[in-house]
C-alpha atoms as a PDB file:
ATOM      1  CA  MET A   1      13.595 -17.498  -2.938  1.00  0.00           C
ATOM      2  CA  THR A   2      12.609 -15.893  -6.227  1.00  0.00           C
ATOM      3  CA  TYR A   3      10.111 -17.023  -8.848  1.00  0.00           C
ATOM      4  CA  ARG A   4      10.387 -16.333 -12.547  1.00  0.00           C
ATOM      5  CA  ALA A   5       7.274 -18.195 -13.669  1.00  0.00           C
ATOM      6  CA  PHE A   6       4.301 -15.898 -13.309  1.00  0.00           C
ATOM      7  CA  VAL A   7       1.581 -14.402 -15.480  1.00  0.00           C
ATOM      8  CA  ALA A   8       0.967 -10.650 -15.377  1.00  0.00           C
ATOM      9  CA  LYS A   9      -2.171  -9.197 -16.887  1.00  0.00           C
ATOM     10  CA  GLU A  10      -5.026  -6.758 -16.456  1.00  0.00           C
ATOM     11  CA  THR A  11      -8.106  -8.125 -14.756  1.00  0.00           C
ATOM     12  CA  THR A  12     -11.225  -6.957 -12.929  1.00  0.00           C
ATOM     13  CA  PHE A  13     -12.657  -7.503  -9.471  1.00  0.00           C
ATOM     14  CA  ALA A  14     -15.685  -6.455  -7.443  1.00  0.00           C
ATOM     15  CA  GLY A  15     -14.772  -3.286  -5.573  1.00  0.00           C
ATOM     16  CA  HIS A  16     -16.632  -0.846  -3.362  1.00  0.00           C
ATOM     17  CA  GLY A  17     -20.385  -1.198  -3.789  1.00  0.00           C
ATOM     18  CA  GLN A  18     -19.732  -4.246  -6.018  1.00  0.00           C
ATOM     19  CA  ALA A  19     -18.545  -1.934  -8.810  1.00  0.00           C
ATOM     20  CA  THR A  20     -16.395  -3.595 -11.461  1.00  0.00           C
ATOM     21  CA  CYS A  21     -12.870  -2.254 -10.991  1.00  0.00           C
ATOM     22  CA  GLU A  22      -9.761  -2.569 -13.113  1.00  0.00           C
ATOM     23  CA  ALA A  23      -6.629  -4.126 -11.690  1.00  0.00           C
ATOM     24  CA  TYR A  24      -3.197  -5.327 -12.700  1.00  0.00           C
ATOM     25  CA  ALA A  25      -2.280  -8.748 -11.323  1.00  0.00           C
ATOM     26  CA  ALA A  26       0.864 -10.860 -11.297  1.00  0.00           C
ATOM     27  CA  MET A  27       0.075 -14.471 -10.434  1.00  0.00           C
ATOM     28  CA  LEU A  28       2.554 -17.261  -9.770  1.00  0.00           C
ATOM     29  CA  GLU A  29       2.461 -20.431 -11.853  1.00  0.00           C
ATOM     30  CA  ASP A  30       4.458 -22.455  -9.313  1.00  0.00           C
ATOM     31  CA  GLY A  31       2.486 -24.927  -7.243  1.00  0.00           C
ATOM     32  CA  GLY A  32       1.940 -24.722  -3.518  1.00  0.00           C
ATOM     33  CA  PRO A  33       0.188 -22.203  -1.291  1.00  0.00           C
ATOM     34  CA  LYS A  34       1.271 -18.593  -1.714  1.00  0.00           C
ATOM     35  CA  PRO A  35       0.445 -15.417   0.206  1.00  0.00           C
ATOM     36  CA  GLY A  36      -1.155 -12.442  -1.511  1.00  0.00           C
ATOM     37  CA  MET A  37      -0.268  -8.749  -1.639  1.00  0.00           C
ATOM     38  CA  VAL A  38      -2.453  -5.783  -2.508  1.00  0.00           C
ATOM     39  CA  VAL A  39      -0.309  -2.982  -3.973  1.00  0.00           C
ATOM     40  CA  ILE A  40      -1.968   0.405  -3.406  1.00  0.00           C
ATOM     41  CA  HIS A  41      -0.710   2.875  -5.984  1.00  0.00           C
ATOM     42  CA  HIS A  42       0.485   6.388  -5.243  1.00  0.00           C
ATOM     43  CA  ALA A  43      -1.215   9.686  -6.126  1.00  0.00           C
ATOM     44  CA  PRO A  44       0.129   9.737  -9.720  1.00  0.00           C
ATOM     45  CA  GLY A  45      -2.151   6.783 -10.268  1.00  0.00           C
ATOM     46  CA  TRP A  46      -2.133   3.362 -11.869  1.00  0.00           C
ATOM     47  CA  ASP A  47       1.121   3.950 -13.699  1.00  0.00           C
ATOM     48  CA  GLU A  48       4.091   1.985 -15.006  1.00  0.00           C
ATOM     49  CA  TRP A  49       5.945   2.037 -11.698  1.00  0.00           C
ATOM     50  CA  SER A  50       2.949   0.569  -9.875  1.00  0.00           C
ATOM     51  CA  THR A  51       2.768  -2.343 -12.296  1.00  0.00           C
ATOM     52  CA  GLU A  52       6.517  -2.921 -11.938  1.00  0.00           C
ATOM     53  CA  VAL A  53       6.115  -3.164  -8.169  1.00  0.00           C
ATOM     54  CA  THR A  54       3.289  -5.660  -8.643  1.00  0.00           C
ATOM     55  CA  ARG A  55       5.537  -7.882 -10.764  1.00  0.00           C
ATOM     56  CA  LYS A  56       8.322  -7.478  -8.195  1.00  0.00           C
ATOM     57  CA  PHE A  57       6.097  -9.078  -5.585  1.00  0.00           C
ATOM     58  CA  ALA A  58       5.378 -12.032  -7.860  1.00  0.00           C
ATOM     59  CA  HIS A  59       9.105 -12.443  -8.433  1.00  0.00           C
ATOM     60  CA  HIS A  60       9.518 -12.705  -4.653  1.00  0.00           C
ATOM     61  CA  GLY A  61       6.827 -15.346  -4.224  1.00  0.00           C
ATOM     62  CA  TYR A  62       3.556 -13.469  -3.787  1.00  0.00           C
ATOM     63  CA  ASN A  63       0.380 -13.403  -5.829  1.00  0.00           C
ATOM     64  CA  ALA A  64      -0.122  -9.655  -6.227  1.00  0.00           C
ATOM     65  CA  ILE A  65      -2.838  -7.299  -7.400  1.00  0.00           C
ATOM     66  CA  CYS A  66      -2.761  -3.532  -7.908  1.00  0.00           C
ATOM     67  CA  PRO A  67      -6.307  -2.143  -8.041  1.00  0.00           C
ATOM     68  CA  ASN A  68      -6.888   0.957 -10.133  1.00  0.00           C
ATOM     69  CA  LEU A  69      -8.382   3.264  -7.517  1.00  0.00           C
ATOM     70  CA  TYR A  70      -9.203   5.733 -10.289  1.00  0.00           C
ATOM     71  CA  THR A  71     -11.259   3.248 -12.338  1.00  0.00           C
ATOM     72  CA  ARG A  72     -14.364   5.377 -12.000  1.00  0.00           C
ATOM     73  CA  ASN A  73     -12.507   8.455 -13.331  1.00  0.00           C
ATOM     74  CA  GLY A  74     -11.192   6.909 -16.550  1.00  0.00           C
ATOM     75  CA  PRO A  75     -10.472   5.988 -19.207  1.00  0.00           C
ATOM     76  CA  GLY A  76      -7.388   7.947 -20.156  1.00  0.00           C
ATOM     77  CA  SER A  77      -3.658   8.135 -19.544  1.00  0.00           C
ATOM     78  CA  PRO A  78      -2.561   7.798 -15.897  1.00  0.00           C
ATOM     79  CA  ASP A  79      -1.460  11.450 -15.872  1.00  0.00           C
ATOM     80  CA  ASP A  80      -4.762  12.732 -17.251  1.00  0.00           C
ATOM     81  CA  VAL A  81      -6.868  10.569 -14.957  1.00  0.00           C
ATOM     82  CA  ALA A  82      -4.796  11.515 -11.900  1.00  0.00           C
ATOM     83  CA  ALA A  83      -5.232  15.202 -12.769  1.00  0.00           C
ATOM     84  CA  LYS A  84      -8.993  14.686 -12.967  1.00  0.00           C
ATOM     85  CA  VAL A  85      -8.967  12.978  -9.562  1.00  0.00           C
ATOM     86  CA  ARG A  86      -6.959  15.789  -7.974  1.00  0.00           C
ATOM     87  CA  ALA A  87      -9.351  18.380  -9.410  1.00  0.00           C
ATOM     88  CA  ALA A  88     -12.256  16.486  -7.842  1.00  0.00           C
ATOM     89  CA  GLY A  89     -10.603  16.500  -4.409  1.00  0.00           C
ATOM     90  CA  GLY A  90      -9.290  12.958  -4.481  1.00  0.00           C
ATOM     91  CA  VAL A  91     -11.019   9.642  -3.927  1.00  0.00           C
ATOM     92  CA  ALA A  92     -13.219   9.071  -0.888  1.00  0.00           C
ATOM     93  CA  ASP A  93     -11.586   7.002   1.843  1.00  0.00           C
ATOM     94  CA  ASP A  94     -14.631   4.733   2.133  1.00  0.00           C
ATOM     95  CA  GLN A  95     -14.455   3.961  -1.581  1.00  0.00           C
ATOM     96  CA  VAL A  96     -10.756   3.143  -1.440  1.00  0.00           C
ATOM     97  CA  MET A  97     -11.243   0.872   1.561  1.00  0.00           C
ATOM     98  CA  GLY A  98     -14.039  -0.929  -0.276  1.00  0.00           C
ATOM     99  CA  ASP A  99     -11.790  -1.438  -3.289  1.00  0.00           C
ATOM    100  CA  VAL A 100      -8.932  -2.719  -1.112  1.00  0.00           C
ATOM    101  CA  ALA A 101     -11.294  -5.163   0.599  1.00  0.00           C
ATOM    102  CA  GLY A 102     -12.486  -6.378  -2.793  1.00  0.00           C
ATOM    103  CA  ALA A 103      -8.916  -6.869  -4.019  1.00  0.00           C
ATOM    104  CA  MET A 104      -8.112  -8.872  -0.887  1.00  0.00           C
ATOM    105  CA  GLN A 105     -11.149 -11.067  -1.444  1.00  0.00           C
ATOM    106  CA  TRP A 106     -10.105 -11.604  -5.074  1.00  0.00           C
ATOM    107  CA  LEU A 107      -6.639 -12.771  -3.970  1.00  0.00           C
ATOM    108  CA  ARG A 108      -7.997 -15.188  -1.390  1.00  0.00           C
ATOM    109  CA  ALA A 109     -10.298 -16.705  -4.013  1.00  0.00           C
ATOM    110  CA  GLN A 110      -7.422 -17.575  -6.356  1.00  0.00           C
ATOM    111  CA  PRO A 111      -6.122 -21.147  -6.605  1.00  0.00           C
ATOM    112  CA  GLY A 112      -2.941 -21.542  -4.591  1.00  0.00           C
ATOM    113  CA  SER A 113      -3.732 -18.890  -1.984  1.00  0.00           C
ATOM    114  CA  ASN A 114      -2.506 -19.672   1.523  1.00  0.00           C
ATOM    115  CA  GLY A 115      -5.269 -17.444   2.860  1.00  0.00           C
ATOM    116  CA  ARG A 116      -2.964 -14.689   4.089  1.00  0.00           C
ATOM    117  CA  VAL A 117      -2.968 -11.257   2.456  1.00  0.00           C
ATOM    118  CA  GLY A 118      -0.863  -8.176   3.092  1.00  0.00           C
ATOM    119  CA  VAL A 119      -1.192  -4.593   1.918  1.00  0.00           C
ATOM    120  CA  ILE A 120       1.532  -2.180   0.828  1.00  0.00           C
ATOM    121  CA  GLY A 121       1.207   1.399  -0.350  1.00  0.00           C
ATOM    122  CA  PHE A 122       3.361   4.350  -1.310  1.00  0.00           C
ATOM    123  CA  CYS A 123       2.748   8.076  -0.710  1.00  0.00           C
ATOM    124  CA  SER A 124      -1.059   8.443  -0.663  1.00  0.00           C
ATOM    125  CA  GLY A 125      -1.112   4.654  -0.912  1.00  0.00           C
ATOM    126  CA  GLY A 126       0.873   4.511   2.338  1.00  0.00           C
ATOM    127  CA  ARG A 127      -1.867   6.537   3.988  1.00  0.00           C
ATOM    128  CA  HIS A 128      -4.465   4.188   2.513  1.00  0.00           C
ATOM    129  CA  THR A 129      -2.437   1.221   3.771  1.00  0.00           C
ATOM    130  CA  PHE A 130      -2.555   2.516   7.337  1.00  0.00           C
ATOM    131  CA  LEU A 131      -6.295   3.109   7.025  1.00  0.00           C
ATOM    132  CA  ALA A 132      -6.826  -0.401   5.651  1.00  0.00           C
ATOM    133  CA  ALA A 133      -4.777  -1.963   8.441  1.00  0.00           C
ATOM    134  CA  CYS A 134      -7.036  -0.211  10.955  1.00  0.00           C
ATOM    135  CA  THR A 135     -10.449  -0.469   9.297  1.00  0.00           C
ATOM    136  CA  VAL A 136     -10.557  -3.345   6.767  1.00  0.00           C
ATOM    137  CA  PRO A 137     -11.062  -6.791   8.349  1.00  0.00           C
ATOM    138  CA  GLY A 138      -8.626  -9.527   7.422  1.00  0.00           C
ATOM    139  CA  VAL A 139      -5.388  -7.638   6.697  1.00  0.00           C
ATOM    140  CA  ASP A 140      -2.561  -9.901   7.885  1.00  0.00           C
ATOM    141  CA  ALA A 141       0.350  -7.445   7.478  1.00  0.00           C
ATOM    142  CA  ALA A 142       0.724  -3.856   6.294  1.00  0.00           C
ATOM    143  CA  VAL A 143       3.621  -1.842   4.873  1.00  0.00           C
ATOM    144  CA  ASN A 144       3.290   1.945   4.921  1.00  0.00           C
ATOM    145  CA  CYS A 145       5.891   3.565   2.682  1.00  0.00           C
ATOM    146  CA  TRP A 146       6.088   7.295   3.546  1.00  0.00           C
ATOM    147  CA  GLY A 147       2.328   7.721   3.751  1.00  0.00           C
ATOM    148  CA  GLY A 148       1.561  11.416   4.148  1.00  0.00           C
ATOM    149  CA  ASN A 149      -1.365  12.936   6.052  1.00  0.00           C
ATOM    150  CA  VAL A 150      -1.689  10.039   8.465  1.00  0.00           C
ATOM    151  CA  VAL A 151      -1.030  12.667  11.105  1.00  0.00           C
ATOM    152  CA  VAL A 152      -2.959  15.860  10.280  1.00  0.00           C
ATOM    153  CA  ASP A 153      -1.667  19.015  11.942  1.00  0.00           C
ATOM    154  CA  ASP A 154      -4.081  21.373  10.203  1.00  0.00           C
ATOM    155  CA  LYS A 155      -7.679  20.188  10.594  1.00  0.00           C
ATOM    156  CA  SER A 156      -8.720  22.462   7.695  1.00  0.00           C
ATOM    157  CA  GLN A 157      -7.128  19.806   5.463  1.00  0.00           C
ATOM    158  CA  LEU A 158      -9.933  17.396   6.360  1.00  0.00           C
ATOM    159  CA  THR A 159     -12.620  17.091   3.697  1.00  0.00           C
ATOM    160  CA  PRO A 160     -15.814  15.104   3.093  1.00  0.00           C
ATOM    161  CA  MET A 161     -13.623  12.727   1.064  1.00  0.00           C
ATOM    162  CA  ARG A 162     -11.134  12.381   3.928  1.00  0.00           C
ATOM    163  CA  PRO A 163     -13.033  13.306   7.077  1.00  0.00           C
ATOM    164  CA  VAL A 164     -10.918  11.609   9.765  1.00  0.00           C
ATOM    165  CA  PRO A 165      -7.138  11.720  10.347  1.00  0.00           C
ATOM    166  CA  PRO A 166      -5.955   8.112   9.984  1.00  0.00           C
ATOM    167  CA  ILE A 167      -4.038   8.301  13.262  1.00  0.00           C
ATOM    168  CA  ASP A 168      -7.423   8.527  14.992  1.00  0.00           C
ATOM    169  CA  TYR A 169      -8.005   4.891  13.981  1.00  0.00           C
ATOM    170  CA  ALA A 170      -4.719   3.654  15.475  1.00  0.00           C
ATOM    171  CA  ALA A 171      -6.455   1.880  18.338  1.00  0.00           C
ATOM    172  CA  LYS A 172      -8.095  -0.398  15.736  1.00  0.00           C
ATOM    173  CA  LEU A 173      -4.814  -1.506  14.140  1.00  0.00           C
ATOM    174  CA  ALA A 174      -5.212  -5.278  14.007  1.00  0.00           C
ATOM    175  CA  CYS A 175      -2.081  -6.516  12.216  1.00  0.00           C
ATOM    176  CA  PRO A 176       1.690  -5.995  12.283  1.00  0.00           C
ATOM    177  CA  LEU A 177       2.732  -2.713  10.642  1.00  0.00           C
ATOM    178  CA  LEU A 178       6.019  -1.864   8.932  1.00  0.00           C
ATOM    179  CA  GLY A 179       6.814   1.786   8.284  1.00  0.00           C
ATOM    180  CA  ILE A 180       9.458   3.026   5.816  1.00  0.00           C
ATOM    181  CA  PHE A 181      10.321   6.733   5.993  1.00  0.00           C
ATOM    182  CA  GLY A 182      12.924   9.218   4.765  1.00  0.00           C
ATOM    183  CA  ASN A 183      14.266  11.705   7.278  1.00  0.00           C
ATOM    184  CA  ASP A 184      14.311  14.449   4.628  1.00  0.00           C
ATOM    185  CA  ASP A 185      10.608  14.025   3.873  1.00  0.00           C
ATOM    186  CA  ARG A 186       8.175  16.847   4.603  1.00  0.00           C
ATOM    187  CA  ASN A 187       4.970  14.813   4.357  1.00  0.00           C
ATOM    188  CA  PRO A 188       5.255  12.911   6.576  1.00  0.00           C
ATOM    189  CA  SER A 189       7.813  14.985   8.434  1.00  0.00           C
ATOM    190  CA  PRO A 190      10.070  13.289  11.005  1.00  0.00           C
ATOM    191  CA  ALA A 191       7.994  14.978  13.725  1.00  0.00           C
ATOM    192  CA  GLN A 192       4.810  13.456  12.321  1.00  0.00           C
ATOM    193  CA  VAL A 193       6.428  10.027  12.176  1.00  0.00           C
ATOM    194  CA  ASP A 194       7.439  10.523  15.810  1.00  0.00           C
ATOM    195  CA  ARG A 195       3.839  11.284  16.757  1.00  0.00           C
ATOM    196  CA  LEU A 196       2.549   8.218  14.963  1.00  0.00           C
ATOM    197  CA  GLU A 197       5.156   6.013  16.616  1.00  0.00           C
ATOM    198  CA  GLU A 198       4.366   7.448  20.036  1.00  0.00           C
ATOM    199  CA  GLU A 199       0.674   6.643  19.546  1.00  0.00           C
ATOM    200  CA  LEU A 200       1.358   3.087  18.381  1.00  0.00           C
ATOM    201  CA  LYS A 201       3.717   2.531  21.291  1.00  0.00           C
ATOM    202  CA  ARG A 202       1.159   3.933  23.744  1.00  0.00           C
ATOM    203  CA  LEU A 203      -1.456   1.555  22.384  1.00  0.00           C
ATOM    204  CA  GLY A 204       0.869  -1.447  22.512  1.00  0.00           C
ATOM    205  CA  LYS A 205       0.614  -2.148  18.780  1.00  0.00           C
ATOM    206  CA  ALA A 206       2.919  -4.458  16.814  1.00  0.00           C
ATOM    207  CA  TYR A 207       4.963  -2.210  14.556  1.00  0.00           C
ATOM    208  CA  GLU A 208       8.478  -1.480  13.353  1.00  0.00           C
ATOM    209  CA  PHE A 209       9.635   1.754  11.755  1.00  0.00           C
ATOM    210  CA  HIS A 210      12.786   2.264   9.696  1.00  0.00           C
ATOM    211  CA  ARG A 211      13.946   5.796   8.962  1.00  0.00           C
ATOM    212  CA  TYR A 212      16.621   6.673   6.427  1.00  0.00           C
ATOM    213  CA  GLY A 213      18.982   9.596   6.520  1.00  0.00           C
ATOM    214  CA  GLY A 214      19.682  11.362   3.242  1.00  0.00           C
ATOM    215  CA  ALA A 215      16.357  10.180   1.806  1.00  0.00           C
ATOM    216  CA  GLY A 216      13.185  12.114   1.146  1.00  0.00           C
ATOM    217  CA  HIS A 217       9.747  11.346  -0.235  1.00  0.00           C
ATOM    218  CA  GLY A 218       9.496   8.506  -2.735  1.00  0.00           C
ATOM    219  CA  PHE A 219      13.108   7.381  -2.474  1.00  0.00           C
ATOM    220  CA  PHE A 220      12.267   3.981  -4.018  1.00  0.00           C
ATOM    221  CA  ALA A 221      11.370   5.602  -7.363  1.00  0.00           C
ATOM    222  CA  TYR A 222      14.460   5.129  -9.532  1.00  0.00           C
ATOM    223  CA  THR A 223      13.134   7.432 -12.275  1.00  0.00           C
ATOM    224  CA  ARG A 224      13.146  10.458  -9.962  1.00  0.00           C
ATOM    225  CA  GLU A 225      15.882  12.692  -8.622  1.00  0.00           C
ATOM    226  CA  GLY A 226      14.975  11.671  -5.088  1.00  0.00           C
ATOM    227  CA  TYR A 227      15.921   8.023  -5.690  1.00  0.00           C
ATOM    228  CA  ARG A 228      18.443   6.753  -3.154  1.00  0.00           C
ATOM    229  CA  GLN A 229      19.838   3.399  -4.199  1.00  0.00           C
ATOM    230  CA  GLN A 230      21.503   2.312  -0.969  1.00  0.00           C
ATOM    231  CA  GLN A 231      18.576   3.278   1.234  1.00  0.00           C
ATOM    232  CA  ALA A 232      16.026   1.776  -1.159  1.00  0.00           C
ATOM    233  CA  MET A 233      17.848  -1.553  -1.376  1.00  0.00           C
ATOM    234  CA  ASP A 234      18.110  -1.808   2.400  1.00  0.00           C
ATOM    235  CA  ALA A 235      14.441  -0.874   2.846  1.00  0.00           C
ATOM    236  CA  TRP A 236      13.285  -3.494   0.341  1.00  0.00           C
ATOM    237  CA  GLU A 237      15.186  -6.118   2.347  1.00  0.00           C
ATOM    238  CA  LYS A 238      13.305  -4.944   5.427  1.00  0.00           C
ATOM    239  CA  VAL A 239      10.037  -5.374   3.505  1.00  0.00           C
ATOM    240  CA  TRP A 240      10.835  -8.937   2.421  1.00  0.00           C
ATOM    241  CA  ALA A 241      11.911  -9.970   5.925  1.00  0.00           C
ATOM    242  CA  PHE A 242       8.780  -8.474   7.495  1.00  0.00           C
ATOM    243  CA  LEU A 243       6.417 -10.116   5.019  1.00  0.00           C
ATOM    244  CA  ASP A 244       8.211 -13.447   5.245  1.00  0.00           C
ATOM    245  CA  ARG A 245       7.652 -13.464   8.997  1.00  0.00           C
ATOM    246  CA  ASN A 246       4.024 -12.448   8.827  1.00  0.00           C
ATOM    247  CA  LEU A 247       2.642 -13.918   5.592  1.00  0.00           C
ATOM    248  CA  VAL A 248       4.809 -16.928   4.807  1.00  0.00           C
ATOM    249  CA  LYS A 249       6.084 -18.465   8.041  1.00  0.00           C
ATOM    250  CA  ASN A 250       3.228 -17.289  10.251  1.00  0.00           C
ATOM    251  CA  ARG A 251       0.452 -19.457   8.865  1.00  0.00           C
END
């Protein structure tokens, strides 16, 4: 089922440390209880594509919010702010998790919420999604789209901002996890995806991974050369089916 009646707008919510954070939200006007989705943007920041994805979730029946994880580094264009964040070494994992938790709380407080909230992220947002699924209480379903650096081969890559490889938290995964990956990706590489899957299987976690041949990093992004229409369309169908099972029917 799709929904065309929704309101999309910028808003604010209480993020990490109760800081006021910017967000883009798409909220359904149709009556009845609806699940919520937190859309975690990729490294390029709070950009046009991230807001399009947020509206896409509303169209498919979810109240959705995309927090601006770079709120504290603005204002400015997404490109300029993202460059500033990269120069500073990124955003601290604890801060991101606090912002995700705040966005989840905001969704659950909205009229019409069915109380269930999922998280989806792309690229660095996929990494953040895995972290949230393992460390933020109350995540009901998580979708990791090609999240890099979940498995860290070179420990010199760890920093005060990102001190622990996310795979080290796998034992704490407390919700179903969907993983979408391209076999031509280098971060995560197919070998790294294998290692993550082996760990989840060893721990007896609820997960499903889908890997796509002929697709690399960011193959959903239709404005980039790496866009793969057939693989992206199939993967989106996997996303909707997974979320329907875990956020809509399972309540």
